[in-house]
Amino acid sequence: MRASVCLSLALACGLQLAPTAAFAQADAGPVEALAAKLPKDVGDAARKWLRDDAKELKALAAFSPEQLEQEVVVALASEPAAADFVLGKLPAEKPATDLLVLHVVGNDAFWADHPGTREALQRLAGHLEERAVKIAGDAVVADGAGETFGEEGGARGPAPALEDMALDQSSAPFREP
């Protein structure tokens, strides 16, 4: 008899605990649901700094995982407390994300006074320049037709040819329509 009472109590408690756990998961909120879809570092930052704005979080939930990460990093760029995280994340982000974050940095006043912003943006500029040179070099190699020859007879690559074209355009007389 005692065993059946214990079993009944255990089953009753188990039945009560299971729905409670399910409700606790459902009540974790939209920030937790989004954070679960993100890489660990971005998810942790989202949990810590994203506001629980139902409209914004619902819009974020519509993105693919890759787009979601970009949008969360951009949203975090508007949060002063997340500024160091965002600055540290920039070199690893795609250029499109960098551009969107830079737009936020240029528009949100707190960035002007945030320590380390100038240095981080200078490092990012150097990093972007390195990426651009690599991409341009890869394009020239892949194209094979991008080289031009200078007066000295050596290969100059596509950039000097583009600069020459720009100079030719700028020295043309102004024509009125």
Protein backbone atom coordinates (compact mmCIF):
# COMPACT_ATOMS: atom_id res chain seq x y z
CA MET A 1 0.00 0.00 0.00
CA ARG A 2 2.77 2.38 0.93
CA ALA A 3 4.52 1.76 -2.43
CA SER A 4 1.36 2.50 -4.39
CA VAL A 5 0.87 5.79 -2.51
CA CYS A 6 4.51 6.77 -3.24
CA LEU A 7 4.10 5.78 -6.85
CA SER A 8 0.90 7.79 -7.12
CA LEU A 9 2.58 10.81 -5.57
CA ALA A 10 5.60 10.48 -7.84
CA LEU A 11 3.39 10.24 -10.91
CA ALA A 12 1.34 13.21 -9.78
CA CYS A 13 4.46 15.29 -9.16
CA GLY A 14 5.95 14.14 -12.45
CA LEU A 15 2.81 15.11 -14.31
CA GLN A 16 2.86 18.51 -12.67
CA LEU A 17 6.55 19.08 -13.32
CA ALA A 18 6.45 18.19 -17.01
CA PRO A 19 3.95 20.91 -17.94
CA THR A 20 5.78 23.39 -15.70
CA ALA A 21 9.04 22.73 -17.56
CA ALA A 22 7.26 23.11 -20.90
CA PHE A 23 5.75 26.42 -19.77
CA ALA A 24 9.12 27.61 -18.51
CA GLN A 25 10.64 26.90 -21.93
CA ALA A 26 7.79 28.72 -23.67
CA ASP A 27 8.15 31.63 -21.25
CA ALA A 28 11.89 31.89 -21.96
CA GLY A 29 10.91 34.61 -24.38
CA PRO A 30 11.67 35.64 -27.91
CA VAL A 31 15.22 36.82 -27.09
CA GLU A 32 16.11 33.32 -25.91
CA ALA A 33 14.50 31.78 -29.01
CA LEU A 34 16.59 34.06 -31.25
CA ALA A 35 19.76 33.52 -29.24
CA ALA A 36 19.41 29.75 -29.64
CA LYS A 37 19.67 30.18 -33.44
CA LEU A 38 22.87 32.24 -33.28
CA PRO A 39 26.55 31.38 -32.84
CA LYS A 40 27.39 31.20 -29.13
CA ASP A 41 29.14 34.58 -28.83
CA VAL A 42 26.42 36.49 -30.67
CA GLY A 43 23.67 34.55 -28.86
CA ASP A 44 25.21 35.39 -25.48
CA ALA A 45 25.45 39.06 -26.49
CA ALA A 46 21.83 39.03 -27.67
CA ARG A 47 20.69 37.57 -24.34
CA LYS A 48 22.64 40.21 -22.47
CA TRP A 49 21.95 43.37 -24.47
CA LEU A 50 18.98 43.03 -26.84
CA ARG A 51 15.83 44.71 -25.63
CA ASP A 52 12.69 42.64 -25.33
CA ASP A 53 10.86 44.64 -28.02
CA ALA A 54 8.22 42.24 -29.37
CA LYS A 55 7.91 43.98 -32.74
CA GLU A 56 11.69 44.08 -33.38
CA LEU A 57 12.21 40.51 -32.17
CA LYS A 58 9.38 39.23 -34.35
CA ALA A 59 10.99 40.91 -37.36
CA LEU A 60 14.36 39.35 -36.49
CA ALA A 61 12.79 35.90 -36.25
CA ALA A 62 11.90 36.06 -39.97
CA PHE A 63 15.56 36.08 -41.10
CA SER A 64 17.63 33.10 -42.16
CA PRO A 65 20.31 32.11 -39.62
CA GLU A 66 23.05 33.95 -41.53
CA GLN A 67 20.94 37.08 -41.96
CA LEU A 68 19.82 36.83 -38.35
CA GLU A 69 23.40 37.00 -37.11
CA GLN A 70 24.02 40.10 -39.25
CA GLU A 71 20.85 41.81 -38.07
CA VAL A 72 21.55 41.05 -34.42
CA VAL A 73 25.08 42.48 -34.67
CA VAL A 74 23.62 45.60 -36.31
CA ALA A 75 20.94 45.86 -33.60
CA LEU A 76 23.62 45.49 -30.92
CA ALA A 77 25.51 48.40 -32.51
CA SER A 78 22.70 50.64 -31.24
CA GLU A 79 23.22 49.47 -27.66
CA PRO A 80 25.91 51.46 -25.81
CA ALA A 81 26.60 48.58 -23.42
CA ALA A 82 27.35 46.26 -26.38
CA ALA A 83 29.79 48.65 -28.08
CA ASP A 84 32.95 46.75 -27.10
CA PHE A 85 31.45 43.47 -28.29
CA VAL A 86 30.48 45.03 -31.64
CA LEU A 87 33.91 46.62 -32.15
CA GLY A 88 35.59 43.31 -31.40
CA LYS A 89 33.29 41.46 -33.77
CA LEU A 90 33.77 43.73 -36.81
CA PRO A 91 36.97 42.26 -38.26
CA ALA A 92 35.37 38.81 -38.45
CA GLU A 93 32.14 40.04 -40.05
CA LYS A 94 31.30 40.20 -43.72
CA PRO A 95 31.76 43.56 -45.48
CA ALA A 96 27.98 44.00 -45.73
CA THR A 97 27.67 43.71 -41.96
CA ASP A 98 30.59 46.09 -41.47
CA LEU A 99 28.88 48.64 -43.70
CA LEU A 100 25.59 48.41 -41.80
CA VAL A 101 27.36 48.71 -38.45
CA LEU A 102 29.37 51.69 -39.70
CA HIS A 103 26.09 53.36 -40.66
CA VAL A 104 24.89 52.93 -37.05
CA VAL A 105 28.23 54.15 -35.68
CA GLY A 106 27.94 57.28 -37.82
CA ASN A 107 24.40 58.01 -36.65
CA ASP A 108 24.34 57.08 -32.95
CA ALA A 109 25.90 59.87 -30.89
CA PHE A 110 27.28 57.64 -28.12
CA TRP A 111 29.91 56.20 -30.50
CA ALA A 112 31.77 59.52 -30.72
CA ASP A 113 32.63 59.36 -27.02
CA HIS A 114 33.09 55.60 -26.72
CA PRO A 115 36.72 54.76 -25.83
CA GLY A 116 38.48 52.72 -28.48
CA THR A 117 36.09 53.47 -31.33
CA ARG A 118 38.64 55.38 -33.41
CA GLU A 119 41.33 52.72 -32.97
CA ALA A 120 38.92 49.87 -33.78
CA LEU A 121 37.70 51.64 -36.91
CA GLN A 122 41.29 52.28 -38.02
CA ARG A 123 42.08 48.58 -37.56
CA LEU A 124 38.91 47.73 -39.50
CA ALA A 125 39.94 50.07 -42.33
CA GLY A 126 43.31 48.34 -42.56
CA HIS A 127 41.61 44.96 -42.49
CA LEU A 128 39.16 46.00 -45.22
CA GLU A 129 42.02 47.34 -47.34
CA GLU A 130 43.82 44.01 -47.04
CA ARG A 131 40.65 42.16 -48.04
CA ALA A 132 40.09 44.49 -51.00
CA VAL A 133 43.65 44.01 -52.25
CA LYS A 134 43.29 40.24 -51.94
CA ILE A 135 39.95 40.24 -53.76
CA ALA A 136 41.30 42.49 -56.51
CA GLY A 137 44.37 40.27 -56.86
CA ASP A 138 42.21 37.15 -57.02
CA ALA A 139 40.01 38.80 -59.67
CA VAL A 140 43.01 39.71 -61.83
CA VAL A 141 44.39 36.20 -61.58
CA ALA A 142 41.00 34.66 -62.32
CA ASP A 143 40.34 37.03 -65.23
CA GLY A 144 43.79 36.87 -66.76
CA ALA A 145 42.92 39.84 -68.95
CA GLY A 146 43.09 42.53 -66.29
CA GLU A 147 46.70 43.52 -66.82
CA THR A 148 47.79 46.59 -68.70
CA PHE A 149 51.31 47.52 -69.66
CA GLY A 150 52.90 50.80 -68.69
CA GLU A 151 55.46 52.89 -70.50
CA GLU A 152 58.22 50.85 -68.91
CA GLY A 153 56.74 47.68 -70.41
CA GLY A 154 55.87 46.12 -67.07
CA ALA A 155 52.51 44.86 -65.93
CA ARG A 156 50.60 47.46 -63.92
CA GLY A 157 47.36 45.62 -63.12
CA PRO A 158 43.81 46.98 -63.38
CA ALA A 159 43.96 49.77 -60.78
CA PRO A 160 46.40 52.05 -62.65
CA ALA A 161 44.39 51.55 -65.84
CA LEU A 162 41.26 52.70 -63.98
CA GLU A 163 43.14 55.68 -62.58
CA ASP A 164 44.27 56.61 -66.11
CA MET A 165 40.65 56.45 -67.28
CA ALA A 166 39.56 58.69 -64.42
CA LEU A 167 42.28 61.22 -65.27
CA ASP A 168 41.20 61.21 -68.92
CA GLN A 169 37.61 61.91 -67.82
CA SER A 170 38.58 64.64 -65.39
CA SER A 171 40.72 66.50 -67.91
CA ALA A 172 37.96 66.56 -70.53
CA PRO A 173 36.43 70.01 -71.00
CA PHE A 174 33.05 70.60 -69.42
CA ARG A 175 30.29 70.30 -71.98
CA GLU A 176 26.91 71.82 -71.45
CA PRO A 177 23.91 69.76 -72.56
